[in-house]
Amino acid sequence: MTGTDRVIVHVGAPKCGSSSIQKALSHRPDFADGNGRACRYVCVQPSGQLLTGAGVTARAGISASGAAKSASLSKIEPGALGRAGAGLARIADAGTLPILSSEGWARQHGQIAASGLLDKIGGAHVVLFVRPPVDWLNSAWWQWGVWTGMPQDKFVRRNLKTLDWAATARAWQAVPGVNRVTVALADDVTARFFALLDAPAPDIARSNTGTPAAFLMFLTRNRVFRKDLHDSRTEFVVAAALPARRWPTPWMLGPDHVRKVLRKLAPAHAALAGMLSPADRAAFDADPRWHTPAAYGHRQVDDLGQYETVEALSDLAALLAEAQGDDPARARREIATAGPGGTFRLADADAIIAGRVGKMQRAYMRGAAKSAPDSLLWRLIRWVT
């Protein structure tokens, strides 16, 4: 941090810990940095209005992710960013440091530049967290590609350009009003983000740890729970209910994908290295995932059928039952005998799991409604339930 910073803008990148940062900021939207300067987390709304303080925390309370963030630029009304910029400038002029966060903004520097949002404030410090591109692609395919039916080959080709993090950083540096850009490795991102402010990170549960592979496959077969690439609420609800652990994502990239990605991005990685802090540069140089396909030599494309067996579905049902205070052993037996004649059948097992997931959704909706008892959401849920 420097005294010339008038606004902090965390722009992602997507799939690089943004939910954790947003959850922490939503939990404690007003705090002081190491120099005693007031900091305020601000969420830009589609209308250009600024959500702050208790409004941020309330919004996070009814969000499946447990976090509030600035709206995607695709949802912001024409001219609204200009109004938001004027409001942010007033906050900065009063001596408070406004903080924005929206991981979708990483690739939308051109729209931010055209809007004049940061030019109205000046002194913007842009923060970009990055992770190894092959890992990012595998995770991102499960976040977006699988729901559009896009093959891995096509998904890799389409996303290679966006994985040039150095080019993204340079583009942000050219946005009017940007004072500087910090690029950092996405490792313990919440603590690292607050360290930029010389402030302790709130002690909150980790966000977006994912869900078991068997549940991801369940969603692909039961699209009522996830209609498209943007409809991730059910995943957040289930992830929040399950034990706090990192669930491995099925591996979908073959050796040819890995070699192509690292070969194509080698020049970009050389440029990126020069943008990192000395500590991050050392970690970057020592991490083979940025440099050599050998780092993924042990990886094989997963046989997705293994996540649709009686064992996989029984394990999933037991996890869901335990999260709901039910008997896991009984849940396992229900799956094993779900089909005709007391034998396992995938469609019948899915129906049992769908019942449990629906129950989780209703519990989440009731809890969210109680956080805002005067809202339309609360009235709607009372009418439905």
Protein backbone atom coordinates (compact mmCIF):
# COMPACT_ATOMS: atom_id res chain seq x y z
CA MET A 1 0.00 0.00 0.00
CA THR A 2 1.04 3.61 -0.59
CA GLY A 3 -0.49 6.91 0.35
CA THR A 4 -1.32 7.53 -3.31
CA ASP A 5 -3.76 4.60 -3.48
CA ARG A 6 -7.32 5.97 -3.55
CA VAL A 7 -9.17 2.77 -4.43
CA ILE A 8 -8.31 -0.96 -4.40
CA VAL A 9 -9.80 -2.97 -7.27
CA HIS A 10 -9.53 -6.75 -6.98
CA VAL A 11 -10.30 -8.03 -10.49
CA GLY A 12 -9.74 -11.77 -10.00
CA ALA A 13 -8.65 -13.71 -11.93
CA PRO A 14 -11.64 -16.08 -11.99
CA LYS A 15 -11.02 -19.45 -10.30
CA CYS A 16 -8.22 -17.89 -8.23
CA GLY A 17 -9.74 -17.58 -4.75
CA SER A 18 -12.02 -14.59 -5.36
CA SER A 19 -14.94 -16.03 -3.36
CA SER A 20 -12.74 -16.33 -0.27
CA ILE A 21 -11.63 -12.70 -0.52
CA GLN A 22 -15.19 -11.50 -1.09
CA LYS A 23 -16.51 -13.54 1.82
CA ALA A 24 -13.90 -12.06 4.14
CA LEU A 25 -14.62 -8.51 2.98
CA SER A 26 -18.38 -9.06 3.29
CA HIS A 27 -17.96 -10.39 6.81
CA ARG A 28 -16.07 -7.25 7.87
CA PRO A 29 -16.79 -4.52 5.29
CA ASP A 30 -15.36 -1.66 7.40
CA PHE A 31 -11.93 -1.87 9.01
CA ALA A 32 -8.65 0.03 9.34
CA ASP A 33 -5.37 -0.69 7.60
CA GLY A 34 -1.99 -0.85 9.33
CA ASN A 35 -1.67 2.95 9.26
CA GLY A 36 -5.08 3.50 10.80
CA ARG A 37 -6.68 4.54 7.51
CA ALA A 38 -10.36 3.60 7.19
CA CYS A 39 -11.09 0.95 4.53
CA ARG A 40 -14.57 0.24 3.19
CA TYR A 41 -15.69 -2.68 1.03
CA VAL A 42 -18.05 -1.36 -1.65
CA CYS A 43 -20.19 -3.36 -4.09
CA VAL A 44 -21.25 -1.63 -7.30
CA GLN A 45 -24.89 -2.46 -8.10
CA PRO A 46 -26.36 -2.73 -11.63
CA SER A 47 -27.93 0.71 -11.17
CA GLY A 48 -24.60 2.26 -10.19
CA GLN A 49 -25.59 2.55 -6.54
CA LEU A 50 -22.97 1.58 -3.99
CA LEU A 51 -23.72 -1.09 -1.39
CA THR A 52 -21.72 -0.64 1.83
CA GLY A 53 -21.64 -1.60 5.50
CA ALA A 54 -24.58 -3.58 6.84
CA GLY A 55 -26.04 -3.74 3.33
CA VAL A 56 -23.01 -5.73 2.15
CA THR A 57 -23.22 -8.15 5.07
CA ALA A 58 -26.96 -8.62 4.57
CA ARG A 59 -26.46 -9.31 0.86
CA ALA A 60 -23.78 -11.88 1.69
CA GLY A 61 -26.15 -13.50 4.18
CA ILE A 62 -28.67 -14.34 1.48
CA SER A 63 -26.05 -15.37 -1.09
CA ALA A 64 -25.33 -19.08 -1.57
CA SER A 65 -21.60 -18.27 -1.68
CA GLY A 66 -21.77 -16.30 1.57
CA ALA A 67 -20.24 -13.32 -0.21
CA ALA A 68 -21.26 -10.07 -1.88
CA LYS A 69 -19.41 -8.57 -4.83
CA SER A 70 -19.71 -5.89 -7.50
CA ALA A 71 -22.01 -6.77 -10.37
CA SER A 72 -20.74 -8.21 -13.61
CA LEU A 73 -20.33 -5.50 -16.23
CA SER A 74 -22.84 -7.33 -18.42
CA LYS A 75 -25.50 -6.56 -15.80
CA ILE A 76 -24.59 -2.93 -15.12
CA GLU A 77 -26.91 -0.38 -16.75
CA PRO A 78 -25.56 2.09 -19.33
CA GLY A 79 -24.05 5.11 -17.59
CA ALA A 80 -24.21 3.41 -14.19
CA LEU A 81 -20.43 3.09 -13.85
CA GLY A 82 -20.08 6.85 -14.18
CA ARG A 83 -22.45 7.32 -11.24
CA ALA A 84 -20.57 4.67 -9.28
CA GLY A 85 -17.27 6.42 -9.98
CA ALA A 86 -18.58 9.71 -8.60
CA GLY A 87 -19.73 7.95 -5.42
CA LEU A 88 -16.41 6.18 -4.99
CA ALA A 89 -14.55 9.47 -5.47
CA ARG A 90 -16.59 11.01 -2.65
CA ILE A 91 -15.62 8.13 -0.35
CA ALA A 92 -11.95 8.54 -1.25
CA ASP A 93 -12.11 12.33 -0.86
CA ALA A 94 -13.38 11.82 2.69
CA GLY A 95 -10.21 9.90 3.54
CA THR A 96 -11.60 6.36 3.34
CA LEU A 97 -10.09 3.77 1.03
CA PRO A 98 -12.85 2.04 -1.03
CA ILE A 99 -12.28 -1.60 -2.00
CA LEU A 100 -13.99 -3.27 -4.98
CA SER A 101 -13.99 -6.92 -5.96
CA SER A 102 -15.38 -8.72 -9.01
CA GLU A 103 -13.45 -11.60 -10.57
CA GLY A 104 -15.27 -11.15 -13.88
CA TRP A 105 -13.60 -7.76 -14.32
CA ALA A 106 -10.17 -9.30 -15.01
CA ARG A 107 -10.94 -9.52 -18.73
CA GLN A 108 -13.11 -6.39 -18.89
CA HIS A 109 -10.45 -3.72 -18.61
CA GLY A 110 -11.55 -2.21 -21.92
CA GLN A 111 -15.08 -1.62 -20.66
CA ILE A 112 -13.80 -0.15 -17.39
CA ALA A 113 -11.51 2.17 -19.35
CA ALA A 114 -14.32 3.30 -21.64
CA SER A 115 -16.65 3.98 -18.69
CA GLY A 116 -14.19 6.33 -16.96
CA LEU A 117 -14.94 4.61 -13.64
CA LEU A 118 -11.39 4.70 -12.30
CA ASP A 119 -10.43 7.91 -14.06
CA LYS A 120 -12.99 9.73 -11.90
CA ILE A 121 -11.24 8.50 -8.74
CA GLY A 122 -7.58 8.26 -9.71
CA GLY A 123 -4.92 6.38 -7.79
CA ALA A 124 -6.42 2.94 -8.41
CA HIS A 125 -4.42 -0.06 -7.21
CA VAL A 126 -5.49 -3.13 -9.22
CA VAL A 127 -4.90 -6.58 -7.70
CA LEU A 128 -4.74 -9.75 -9.82
CA PHE A 129 -4.18 -13.25 -8.43
CA VAL A 130 -3.06 -16.00 -10.83
CA ARG A 131 -2.55 -19.77 -10.76
CA PRO A 132 -0.86 -22.35 -13.05
CA PRO A 133 -2.76 -22.44 -16.35
CA VAL A 134 -3.23 -26.20 -16.70
CA ASP A 135 -4.79 -26.47 -13.23
CA TRP A 136 -6.92 -23.41 -14.04
CA LEU A 137 -8.19 -24.93 -17.28
CA ASN A 138 -9.21 -28.21 -15.67
CA SER A 139 -11.07 -26.41 -12.90
CA ALA A 140 -12.62 -23.91 -15.32
CA TRP A 141 -13.87 -26.64 -17.65
CA TRP A 142 -15.93 -28.05 -14.78
CA GLN A 143 -17.13 -24.56 -13.92
CA TRP A 144 -18.16 -23.55 -17.44
CA GLY A 145 -17.23 -25.92 -20.26
CA VAL A 146 -19.11 -29.01 -19.14
CA TRP A 147 -22.41 -27.10 -18.93
CA THR A 148 -22.16 -25.92 -22.53
CA GLY A 149 -21.13 -29.31 -23.91
CA MET A 150 -17.81 -27.86 -25.07
CA PRO A 151 -15.12 -30.50 -25.72
CA GLN A 152 -11.84 -30.07 -23.88
CA ASP A 153 -9.90 -29.36 -27.12
CA LYS A 154 -12.15 -26.44 -28.00
CA PHE A 155 -12.22 -25.15 -24.42
CA VAL A 156 -8.43 -25.11 -24.26
CA ARG A 157 -8.14 -23.26 -27.60
CA ARG A 158 -10.72 -20.65 -26.59
CA ASN A 159 -9.11 -19.90 -23.25
CA LEU A 160 -5.41 -19.81 -24.09
CA LYS A 161 -5.42 -16.09 -24.82
CA THR A 162 -7.17 -15.27 -21.56
CA LEU A 163 -4.45 -17.18 -19.66
CA ASP A 164 -1.83 -14.64 -20.65
CA TRP A 165 -1.88 -13.02 -17.23
CA ALA A 166 0.98 -10.68 -18.13
CA ALA A 167 -1.05 -9.22 -21.00
CA THR A 168 -4.02 -8.80 -18.65
CA ALA A 169 -1.84 -6.93 -16.16
CA ARG A 170 -0.42 -4.66 -18.88
CA ALA A 171 -3.92 -3.89 -20.14
CA TRP A 172 -5.02 -2.86 -16.66
CA GLN A 173 -1.95 -0.70 -16.22
CA ALA A 174 -3.08 1.25 -19.30
CA VAL A 175 -6.58 1.94 -17.92
CA PRO A 176 -6.97 5.66 -17.11
CA GLY A 177 -6.89 6.22 -13.35
CA VAL A 178 -4.84 3.09 -12.55
CA ASN A 179 -1.84 3.91 -10.43
CA ARG A 180 -0.32 0.42 -10.30
CA VAL A 181 -1.09 -3.28 -10.73
CA THR A 182 -0.08 -6.00 -8.30
CA VAL A 183 0.12 -9.54 -9.71
CA ALA A 184 0.46 -12.30 -7.11
CA LEU A 185 0.29 -16.07 -6.98
CA ALA A 186 -3.05 -17.46 -5.81
CA ASP A 187 -1.76 -19.07 -2.64
CA ASP A 188 -3.67 -18.34 0.60
CA VAL A 189 -5.24 -15.44 -1.26
CA THR A 190 -7.34 -14.01 1.57
CA ALA A 191 -4.39 -13.59 3.91
CA ARG A 192 -2.31 -12.20 1.06
CA PHE A 193 -4.96 -9.70 0.04
CA PHE A 194 -5.31 -8.34 3.55
CA ALA A 195 -1.52 -8.28 3.88
CA LEU A 196 -1.51 -5.73 1.05
CA LEU A 197 -3.50 -3.53 3.42
CA ASP A 198 -1.34 -4.46 6.41
CA ALA A 199 -4.54 -5.65 8.10
CA PRO A 200 -5.46 -9.05 9.61
CA ALA A 201 -7.86 -11.19 7.59
CA PRO A 202 -11.15 -12.10 9.29
CA ASP A 203 -11.26 -15.66 10.63
CA ILE A 204 -14.00 -17.20 8.50
CA ALA A 205 -14.72 -20.56 6.92
CA ARG A 206 -12.99 -21.23 3.63
CA SER A 207 -15.09 -20.54 0.55
CA ASN A 208 -15.69 -22.47 -2.64
CA THR A 209 -13.91 -25.71 -1.69
CA GLY A 210 -15.89 -27.55 -4.33
CA THR A 211 -18.00 -30.69 -4.12
CA PRO A 212 -17.26 -34.41 -4.59
CA ALA A 213 -16.84 -35.65 -8.15
CA ALA A 214 -19.90 -37.90 -7.75
CA PHE A 215 -21.98 -34.80 -7.04
CA LEU A 216 -20.64 -32.99 -10.12
CA MET A 217 -21.66 -35.97 -12.22
CA PHE A 218 -25.06 -36.02 -10.51
CA LEU A 219 -25.55 -32.40 -11.60
CA THR A 220 -24.70 -33.23 -15.22
CA ARG A 221 -27.44 -35.88 -15.19
CA ASN A 222 -29.98 -33.78 -13.29
CA ARG A 223 -29.89 -30.36 -14.90
CA VAL A 224 -32.86 -29.13 -12.89
CA PHE A 225 -30.25 -28.39 -10.19
CA ARG A 226 -27.86 -26.63 -12.58
CA LYS A 227 -29.45 -25.34 -15.75
CA ASP A 228 -26.41 -23.63 -17.28
CA LEU A 229 -22.88 -22.39 -16.66
CA HIS A 230 -24.12 -19.46 -14.53
CA ASP A 231 -26.47 -21.45 -12.28
CA SER A 232 -24.05 -22.49 -9.51
CA ARG A 233 -26.22 -21.86 -6.44
CA THR A 234 -26.89 -25.54 -5.69
CA GLU A 235 -23.15 -26.29 -5.72
CA PHE A 236 -22.50 -23.51 -3.21
CA VAL A 237 -25.34 -24.72 -0.97
CA VAL A 238 -24.11 -28.32 -0.95
CA ALA A 239 -20.45 -27.32 -0.59
CA ALA A 240 -21.31 -25.21 2.47
CA ALA A 241 -23.11 -28.15 4.09
CA LEU A 242 -20.37 -30.75 3.53
CA PRO A 243 -17.20 -31.16 5.64
CA ALA A 244 -14.66 -28.37 5.13
CA ARG A 245 -12.14 -30.09 2.87
CA ARG A 246 -10.82 -29.67 -0.64
CA TRP A 247 -12.64 -32.06 -2.97
CA PRO A 248 -10.48 -33.01 -5.97
CA THR A 249 -11.96 -32.18 -9.36
CA PRO A 250 -11.92 -34.98 -11.96
CA TRP A 251 -8.97 -34.59 -14.31
CA MET A 252 -9.98 -34.02 -17.93
CA LEU A 253 -6.80 -32.79 -19.72
CA GLY A 254 -4.58 -35.21 -21.61
CA PRO A 255 -0.80 -34.96 -22.16
CA ASP A 256 -1.29 -33.21 -25.52
CA HIS A 257 -3.37 -30.50 -23.85
CA VAL A 258 -0.72 -29.97 -21.18
CA ARG A 259 2.14 -29.73 -23.70
CA LYS A 260 0.21 -27.32 -25.91
CA VAL A 261 -0.76 -25.01 -23.05
CA LEU A 262 2.72 -24.73 -21.58
CA ARG A 263 4.38 -24.34 -24.99
CA LYS A 264 1.99 -21.62 -26.15
CA LEU A 265 2.17 -19.71 -22.88
CA ALA A 266 5.93 -19.88 -22.34
CA PRO A 267 6.53 -16.31 -23.60
CA ALA A 268 3.66 -15.04 -21.45
CA HIS A 269 5.11 -16.77 -18.40
CA ALA A 270 8.51 -15.20 -19.03
CA ALA A 271 6.83 -11.78 -18.98
CA LEU A 272 4.76 -12.69 -15.93
CA ALA A 273 7.86 -13.64 -13.96
CA GLY A 274 9.12 -10.07 -14.23
CA MET A 275 5.91 -8.72 -12.68
CA LEU A 276 6.02 -10.80 -9.50
CA SER A 277 7.47 -9.86 -6.13
CA PRO A 278 10.83 -11.47 -5.30
CA ALA A 279 9.17 -14.07 -3.05
CA ASP A 280 6.54 -14.92 -5.67
CA ARG A 281 9.20 -15.02 -8.40
CA ALA A 282 11.14 -17.62 -6.41
CA ALA A 283 7.99 -19.69 -5.87
CA PHE A 284 7.05 -19.32 -9.54
CA ASP A 285 10.48 -20.44 -10.74
CA ALA A 286 10.42 -23.45 -8.39
CA ASP A 287 6.91 -24.62 -9.36
CA PRO A 288 7.14 -26.98 -12.37
CA ARG A 289 3.40 -26.59 -13.08
CA TRP A 290 4.21 -23.27 -14.75
CA HIS A 291 7.04 -24.64 -16.89
CA THR A 292 7.14 -28.35 -17.72
CA PRO A 293 4.63 -31.03 -18.79
CA ALA A 294 6.50 -33.45 -16.53
CA ALA A 295 4.68 -31.84 -13.60
CA TYR A 296 1.54 -33.57 -14.89
CA GLY A 297 3.14 -36.86 -15.90
CA HIS A 298 1.21 -38.67 -13.16
CA ARG A 299 -2.13 -37.33 -14.37
CA GLN A 300 -4.48 -39.47 -16.41
CA VAL A 301 -7.82 -38.41 -17.84
CA ASP A 302 -10.40 -39.70 -15.39
CA ASP A 303 -12.91 -42.40 -16.27
CA LEU A 304 -16.06 -40.56 -15.27
CA GLY A 305 -17.94 -43.82 -14.97
CA GLN A 306 -16.23 -44.43 -11.64
CA TYR A 307 -18.31 -41.62 -10.15
CA GLU A 308 -21.60 -43.25 -11.14
CA THR A 309 -21.14 -46.58 -9.35
CA VAL A 310 -23.03 -47.85 -6.33
CA GLU A 311 -19.93 -47.18 -4.21
CA ALA A 312 -19.55 -43.57 -5.37
CA LEU A 313 -23.26 -42.77 -5.01
CA SER A 314 -23.42 -44.51 -1.61
CA ASP A 315 -20.49 -42.40 -0.38
CA LEU A 316 -22.19 -39.25 -1.66
CA ALA A 317 -25.51 -40.15 -0.04
CA ALA A 318 -23.75 -40.83 3.27
CA LEU A 319 -22.05 -37.40 3.15
CA LEU A 320 -25.35 -35.66 2.45
CA ALA A 321 -27.13 -37.62 5.18
CA GLU A 322 -24.46 -36.79 7.75
CA ALA A 323 -24.68 -33.10 6.82
CA GLN A 324 -28.44 -33.28 7.43
CA GLY A 325 -28.14 -35.10 10.76
CA ASP A 326 -29.38 -38.42 9.33
CA ASP A 327 -27.91 -41.92 9.57
CA PRO A 328 -25.15 -42.32 6.93
CA ALA A 329 -25.32 -46.13 7.07
CA ARG A 330 -29.03 -46.05 6.30
CA ALA A 331 -28.39 -43.66 3.39
CA ARG A 332 -25.86 -46.11 1.96
CA ARG A 333 -28.36 -48.95 2.14
CA GLU A 334 -30.99 -46.84 0.40
CA ILE A 335 -28.68 -46.27 -2.55
CA ALA A 336 -27.56 -49.90 -2.78
CA THR A 337 -31.18 -51.11 -2.89
CA ALA A 338 -32.66 -48.20 -4.88
CA GLY A 339 -33.56 -50.18 -8.00
CA PRO A 340 -36.08 -52.87 -8.85
CA GLY A 341 -35.86 -55.95 -6.68
CA GLY A 342 -33.59 -54.18 -4.19
CA THR A 343 -30.67 -53.74 -6.60
CA PHE A 344 -28.75 -50.60 -7.48
CA ARG A 345 -30.01 -48.54 -10.41
CA LEU A 346 -28.53 -45.13 -11.24
CA ALA A 347 -31.83 -43.39 -12.00
CA ASP A 348 -33.35 -44.49 -8.69
CA ALA A 349 -30.21 -43.53 -6.78
CA ASP A 350 -30.36 -40.11 -8.42
CA ALA A 351 -33.96 -39.70 -7.23
CA ILE A 352 -32.89 -40.38 -3.64
CA ILE A 353 -30.00 -37.92 -3.85
CA ALA A 354 -32.24 -35.34 -5.53
CA GLY A 355 -34.56 -35.53 -2.53
CA ARG A 356 -31.70 -34.79 -0.16
CA VAL A 357 -30.36 -31.95 -2.30
CA GLY A 358 -33.84 -30.42 -2.52
CA LYS A 359 -34.09 -30.58 1.27
CA MET A 360 -30.75 -28.75 1.54
CA GLN A 361 -31.94 -26.07 -0.87
CA ARG A 362 -35.11 -25.47 1.14
CA ALA A 363 -33.14 -25.26 4.39
CA TYR A 364 -30.80 -22.74 2.80
CA MET A 365 -33.69 -20.63 1.49
CA ARG A 366 -35.35 -20.55 4.91
CA GLY A 367 -32.07 -19.55 6.56
CA ALA A 368 -31.41 -16.86 3.97
CA ALA A 369 -34.92 -15.50 4.36
CA LYS A 370 -34.51 -15.17 8.12
CA SER A 371 -31.49 -12.96 7.45
CA ALA A 372 -33.80 -10.50 5.69
CA PRO A 373 -37.27 -11.05 7.23
CA ASP A 374 -38.83 -8.00 5.60
CA SER A 375 -37.71 -8.86 2.09
CA LEU A 376 -39.71 -10.11 -0.84
CA LEU A 377 -37.63 -13.31 -0.61
CA TRP A 378 -38.90 -13.94 2.94
CA ARG A 379 -42.53 -13.39 1.94
CA LEU A 380 -42.13 -15.69 -1.04
CA ILE A 381 -40.58 -18.48 1.03
CA ARG A 382 -43.27 -18.25 3.69
CA TRP A 383 -45.84 -18.63 0.93
CA VAL A 384 -44.03 -21.60 -0.67
CA THR A 385 -43.11 -23.49 2.50
